[in-house]
């Protein structure tokens, strides 16, 4: 999981936004999808072809 966290932080830094800017929308997605983490939310998104 550490590599995923590091990649995520690098992505945020590259896009010049802070962690707080990303945290609210991610929390909202997790709440609406009844998921406890981003991986759980990514699986249905991938199956629905919402991810590149």
PDB file of N, CA and C in Angstrom:
ATOM      1  N   UNK A   1       0.816  -1.190   0.000  1.00  0.00           N
ATOM      2  CA  UNK A   1       0.000   0.000   0.000  1.00  0.00           C
ATOM      3  C   UNK A   1       0.861   1.256   0.000  1.00  0.00           C
ATOM      4  N   UNK A   2       2.045   1.165   0.516  1.00  0.00           N
ATOM      5  CA  UNK A   2       2.918   2.327   0.585  1.00  0.00           C
ATOM      6  C   UNK A   2       3.250   2.883  -0.792  1.00  0.00           C
ATOM      7  N   UNK A   3       3.495   2.015  -1.769  1.00  0.00           N
ATOM      8  CA  UNK A   3       3.807   2.474  -3.122  1.00  0.00           C
ATOM      9  C   UNK A   3       2.631   3.228  -3.719  1.00  0.00           C
ATOM     10  N   UNK A   4       1.421   2.752  -3.466  1.00  0.00           N
ATOM     11  CA  UNK A   4       0.226   3.430  -3.969  1.00  0.00           C
ATOM     12  C   UNK A   4       0.118   4.815  -3.349  1.00  0.00           C
ATOM     13  N   UNK A   5       0.348   4.919  -2.027  1.00  0.00           N
ATOM     14  CA  UNK A   5       0.297   6.215  -1.360  1.00  0.00           C
ATOM     15  C   UNK A   5       1.334   7.166  -1.934  1.00  0.00           C
ATOM     16  N   UNK A   6       2.542   6.687  -2.143  1.00  0.00           N
ATOM     17  CA  UNK A   6       3.605   7.531  -2.690  1.00  0.00           C
ATOM     18  C   UNK A   6       3.239   8.002  -4.089  1.00  0.00           C
ATOM     19  N   UNK A   7       2.726   7.116  -4.916  1.00  0.00           N
ATOM     20  CA  UNK A   7       2.328   7.487  -6.273  1.00  0.00           C
ATOM     21  C   UNK A   7       1.228   8.539  -6.224  1.00  0.00           C
ATOM     22  N   UNK A   8       0.268   8.355  -5.334  1.00  0.00           N
ATOM     23  CA  UNK A   8      -0.821   9.317  -5.198  1.00  0.00           C
ATOM     24  C   UNK A   8      -0.316  10.687  -4.795  1.00  0.00           C
ATOM     25  N   UNK A   9       0.603  10.722  -3.866  1.00  0.00           N
ATOM     26  CA  UNK A   9       1.169  12.001  -3.431  1.00  0.00           C
ATOM     27  C   UNK A   9       1.951  12.663  -4.557  1.00  0.00           C
ATOM     28  N   UNK A  10       2.697  11.879  -5.304  1.00  0.00           N
ATOM     29  CA  UNK A  10       3.437  12.437  -6.427  1.00  0.00           C
ATOM     30  C   UNK A  10       2.488  13.001  -7.470  1.00  0.00           C
ATOM     31  N   UNK A  11       1.377  12.312  -7.707  1.00  0.00           N
ATOM     32  CA  UNK A  11       0.395  12.779  -8.668  1.00  0.00           C
ATOM     33  C   UNK A  11      -0.209  14.098  -8.209  1.00  0.00           C
ATOM     34  N   UNK A  12      -0.537  14.188  -6.936  1.00  0.00           N
ATOM     35  CA  UNK A  12      -1.097  15.429  -6.383  1.00  0.00           C
ATOM     36  C   UNK A  12      -0.090  16.560  -6.531  1.00  0.00           C
ATOM     37  N   UNK A  13       1.165  16.281  -6.212  1.00  0.00           N
ATOM     38  CA  UNK A  13       2.196  17.316  -6.317  1.00  0.00           C
ATOM     39  C   UNK A  13       2.368  17.768  -7.756  1.00  0.00           C
ATOM     40  N   UNK A  14       2.307  16.841  -8.676  1.00  0.00           N
ATOM     41  CA  UNK A  14       2.480  17.172 -10.087  1.00  0.00           C
ATOM     42  C   UNK A  14       1.332  18.054 -10.585  1.00  0.00           C
ATOM     43  N   UNK A  15       0.153  17.848 -10.063  1.00  0.00           N
ATOM     44  CA  UNK A  15      -1.004  18.637 -10.478  1.00  0.00           C
ATOM     45  C   UNK A  15      -1.148  19.930  -9.680  1.00  0.00           C
ATOM     46  N   UNK A  16      -0.210  20.193  -8.789  1.00  0.00           N
ATOM     47  CA  UNK A  16      -0.147  21.433  -8.014  1.00  0.00           C
ATOM     48  C   UNK A  16      -1.405  21.684  -7.205  1.00  0.00           C
ATOM     49  N   UNK A  17      -1.874  20.668  -6.509  1.00  0.00           N
ATOM     50  CA  UNK A  17      -2.987  20.867  -5.592  1.00  0.00           C
ATOM     51  C   UNK A  17      -2.643  20.210  -4.267  1.00  0.00           C
ATOM     52  N   UNK A  18      -3.279  20.669  -3.240  1.00  0.00           N
ATOM     53  CA  UNK A  18      -2.941  20.148  -1.917  1.00  0.00           C
ATOM     54  C   UNK A  18      -3.822  18.953  -1.558  1.00  0.00           C
ATOM     55  N   UNK A  19      -3.402  18.232  -0.540  1.00  0.00           N
ATOM     56  CA  UNK A  19      -4.120  17.046  -0.100  1.00  0.00           C
ATOM     57  C   UNK A  19      -5.549  17.392   0.312  1.00  0.00           C
ATOM     58  N   UNK A  20      -5.747  18.525   0.954  1.00  0.00           N
ATOM     59  CA  UNK A  20      -7.071  18.946   1.384  1.00  0.00           C
ATOM     60  C   UNK A  20      -8.021  19.159   0.215  1.00  0.00           C
ATOM     61  N   UNK A  21      -7.498  19.604  -0.908  1.00  0.00           N
ATOM     62  CA  UNK A  21      -8.323  19.824  -2.094  1.00  0.00           C
ATOM     63  C   UNK A  21      -8.861  18.504  -2.628  1.00  0.00           C
ATOM     64  N   UNK A  22      -8.112  17.457  -2.493  1.00  0.00           N
ATOM     65  CA  UNK A  22      -8.492  16.145  -2.999  1.00  0.00           C
ATOM     66  C   UNK A  22      -9.318  15.371  -1.977  1.00  0.00           C
ATOM     67  N   UNK A  23      -9.092  15.607  -0.710  1.00  0.00           N
ATOM     68  CA  UNK A  23      -9.710  14.805   0.350  1.00  0.00           C
ATOM     69  C   UNK A  23     -11.240  14.903   0.351  1.00  0.00           C
ATOM     70  N   UNK A  24     -11.800  16.088   0.191  1.00  0.00           N
ATOM     71  CA  UNK A  24     -13.258  16.252   0.247  1.00  0.00           C
ATOM     72  C   UNK A  24     -13.971  15.501  -0.875  1.00  0.00           C
ATOM     73  N   UNK A  25     -13.557  15.640  -2.147  1.00  0.00           N
ATOM     74  CA  UNK A  25     -14.241  14.882  -3.199  1.00  0.00           C
ATOM     75  C   UNK A  25     -14.083  13.369  -3.047  1.00  0.00           C
ATOM     76  N   UNK A  26     -12.913  12.918  -2.623  1.00  0.00           N
ATOM     77  CA  UNK A  26     -12.694  11.480  -2.422  1.00  0.00           C
ATOM     78  C   UNK A  26     -13.598  10.975  -1.304  1.00  0.00           C
ATOM     79  N   UNK A  27     -13.676  11.712  -0.214  1.00  0.00           N
ATOM     80  CA  UNK A  27     -14.548  11.321   0.895  1.00  0.00           C
ATOM     81  C   UNK A  27     -16.000  11.246   0.444  1.00  0.00           C
ATOM     82  N   UNK A  28     -16.399  12.182  -0.383  1.00  0.00           N
ATOM     83  CA  UNK A  28     -17.773  12.194  -0.899  1.00  0.00           C
ATOM     84  C   UNK A  28     -18.051  10.962  -1.760  1.00  0.00           C
ATOM     85  N   UNK A  29     -17.111  10.625  -2.618  1.00  0.00           N
ATOM     86  CA  UNK A  29     -17.261   9.442  -3.475  1.00  0.00           C
ATOM     87  C   UNK A  29     -17.350   8.179  -2.621  1.00  0.00           C
ATOM     88  N   UNK A  30     -16.487   8.081  -1.615  1.00  0.00           N
ATOM     89  CA  UNK A  30     -16.497   6.900  -0.752  1.00  0.00           C
ATOM     90  C   UNK A  30     -17.819   6.779   0.002  1.00  0.00           C
ATOM     91  N   UNK A  31     -18.352   7.890   0.458  1.00  0.00           N
ATOM     92  CA  UNK A  31     -19.631   7.872   1.172  1.00  0.00           C
ATOM     93  C   UNK A  31     -20.767   7.451   0.247  1.00  0.00           C
ATOM     94  N   UNK A  32     -20.822   8.026  -0.949  1.00  0.00           N
ATOM     95  CA  UNK A  32     -21.912   7.718  -1.881  1.00  0.00           C
ATOM     96  C   UNK A  32     -21.866   6.293  -2.393  1.00  0.00           C
ATOM     97  N   UNK A  33     -20.684   5.711  -2.461  1.00  0.00           N
ATOM     98  CA  UNK A  33     -20.554   4.347  -2.975  1.00  0.00           C
ATOM     99  C   UNK A  33     -20.475   3.303  -1.858  1.00  0.00           C
ATOM    100  N   UNK A  34     -20.588   3.759  -0.614  1.00  0.00           N
ATOM    101  CA  UNK A  34     -20.492   2.870   0.549  1.00  0.00           C
ATOM    102  C   UNK A  34     -19.179   2.084   0.553  1.00  0.00           C
ATOM    103  N   UNK A  35     -18.113   2.719   0.132  1.00  0.00           N
ATOM    104  CA  UNK A  35     -16.783   2.099   0.123  1.00  0.00           C
ATOM    105  C   UNK A  35     -15.977   2.632   1.302  1.00  0.00           C
ATOM    106  N   UNK A  36     -15.036   1.828   1.776  1.00  0.00           N
ATOM    107  CA  UNK A  36     -14.199   2.259   2.887  1.00  0.00           C
ATOM    108  C   UNK A  36     -12.822   2.733   2.432  1.00  0.00           C
ATOM    109  N   UNK A  37     -12.475   2.486   1.176  1.00  0.00           N
ATOM    110  CA  UNK A  37     -11.189   2.961   0.677  1.00  0.00           C
ATOM    111  C   UNK A  37     -11.261   3.178  -0.838  1.00  0.00           C
ATOM    112  N   UNK A  38     -10.231   3.804  -1.370  1.00  0.00           N
ATOM    113  CA  UNK A  38     -10.217   4.164  -2.785  1.00  0.00           C
ATOM    114  C   UNK A  38     -10.169   2.953  -3.704  1.00  0.00           C
ATOM    115  N   UNK A  39      -9.545   1.881  -3.256  1.00  0.00           N
ATOM    116  CA  UNK A  39      -9.470   0.674  -4.082  1.00  0.00           C
ATOM    117  C   UNK A  39     -10.865   0.095  -4.289  1.00  0.00           C
ATOM    118  N   UNK A  40     -11.650   0.043  -3.217  1.00  0.00           N
ATOM    119  CA  UNK A  40     -13.020  -0.458  -3.343  1.00  0.00           C
ATOM    120  C   UNK A  40     -13.823   0.396  -4.320  1.00  0.00           C
ATOM    121  N   UNK A  41     -13.619   1.689  -4.328  1.00  0.00           N
ATOM    122  CA  UNK A  41     -14.344   2.579  -5.234  1.00  0.00           C
ATOM    123  C   UNK A  41     -13.831   2.450  -6.665  1.00  0.00           C
ATOM    124  N   UNK A  42     -12.562   2.117  -6.826  1.00  0.00           N
ATOM    125  CA  UNK A  42     -11.971   2.035  -8.164  1.00  0.00           C
ATOM    126  C   UNK A  42     -12.443   0.809  -8.940  1.00  0.00           C
ATOM    127  N   UNK A  43     -12.748  -0.273  -8.248  1.00  0.00           N
ATOM    128  CA  UNK A  43     -13.149  -1.503  -8.939  1.00  0.00           C
ATOM    129  C   UNK A  43     -14.414  -1.290  -9.776  1.00  0.00           C
ATOM    130  N   UNK A  44     -15.516  -0.788  -9.200  1.00  0.00           N
ATOM    131  CA  UNK A  44     -16.701  -0.569 -10.044  1.00  0.00           C
ATOM    132  C   UNK A  44     -16.474   0.519 -11.097  1.00  0.00           C
ATOM    133  N   UNK A  45     -15.645   1.495 -10.774  1.00  0.00           N
ATOM    134  CA  UNK A  45     -15.339   2.544 -11.758  1.00  0.00           C
ATOM    135  C   UNK A  45     -14.616   1.945 -12.961  1.00  0.00           C
ATOM    136  N   UNK A  46     -13.680   1.047 -12.704  1.00  0.00           N
ATOM    137  CA  UNK A  46     -12.954   0.378 -13.779  1.00  0.00           C
ATOM    138  C   UNK A  46     -13.897  -0.498 -14.590  1.00  0.00           C
ATOM    139  N   UNK A  47     -14.779  -1.233 -13.914  1.00  0.00           N
ATOM    140  CA  UNK A  47     -15.726  -2.105 -14.605  1.00  0.00           C
ATOM    141  C   UNK A  47     -16.701  -1.315 -15.472  1.00  0.00           C
ATOM    142  N   UNK A  48     -17.001  -0.081 -15.062  1.00  0.00           N
ATOM    143  CA  UNK A  48     -17.909   0.782 -15.822  1.00  0.00           C
ATOM    144  C   UNK A  48     -17.159   1.589 -16.883  1.00  0.00           C
ATOM    145  N   UNK A  49     -15.874   1.316 -17.051  1.00  0.00           N
ATOM    146  CA  UNK A  49     -15.017   1.997 -18.025  1.00  0.00           C
ATOM    147  C   UNK A  49     -14.938   3.497 -17.760  1.00  0.00           C
ATOM    148  N   UNK A  50     -14.929   3.892 -16.487  1.00  0.00           N
ATOM    149  CA  UNK A  50     -14.805   5.302 -16.132  1.00  0.00           C
ATOM    150  C   UNK A  50     -13.350   5.736 -15.962  1.00  0.00           C
ATOM    151  N   UNK A  51     -12.441   4.757 -15.926  1.00  0.00           N
ATOM    152  CA  UNK A  51     -11.028   5.061 -15.763  1.00  0.00           C
ATOM    153  C   UNK A  51     -10.289   4.822 -17.063  1.00  0.00           C
ATOM    154  N   UNK A  52      -9.248   5.582 -17.284  1.00  0.00           N
ATOM    155  CA  UNK A  52      -8.417   5.411 -18.500  1.00  0.00           C
ATOM    156  C   UNK A  52      -7.617   4.155 -18.433  1.00  0.00           C
TER     157      UNK A  52
END
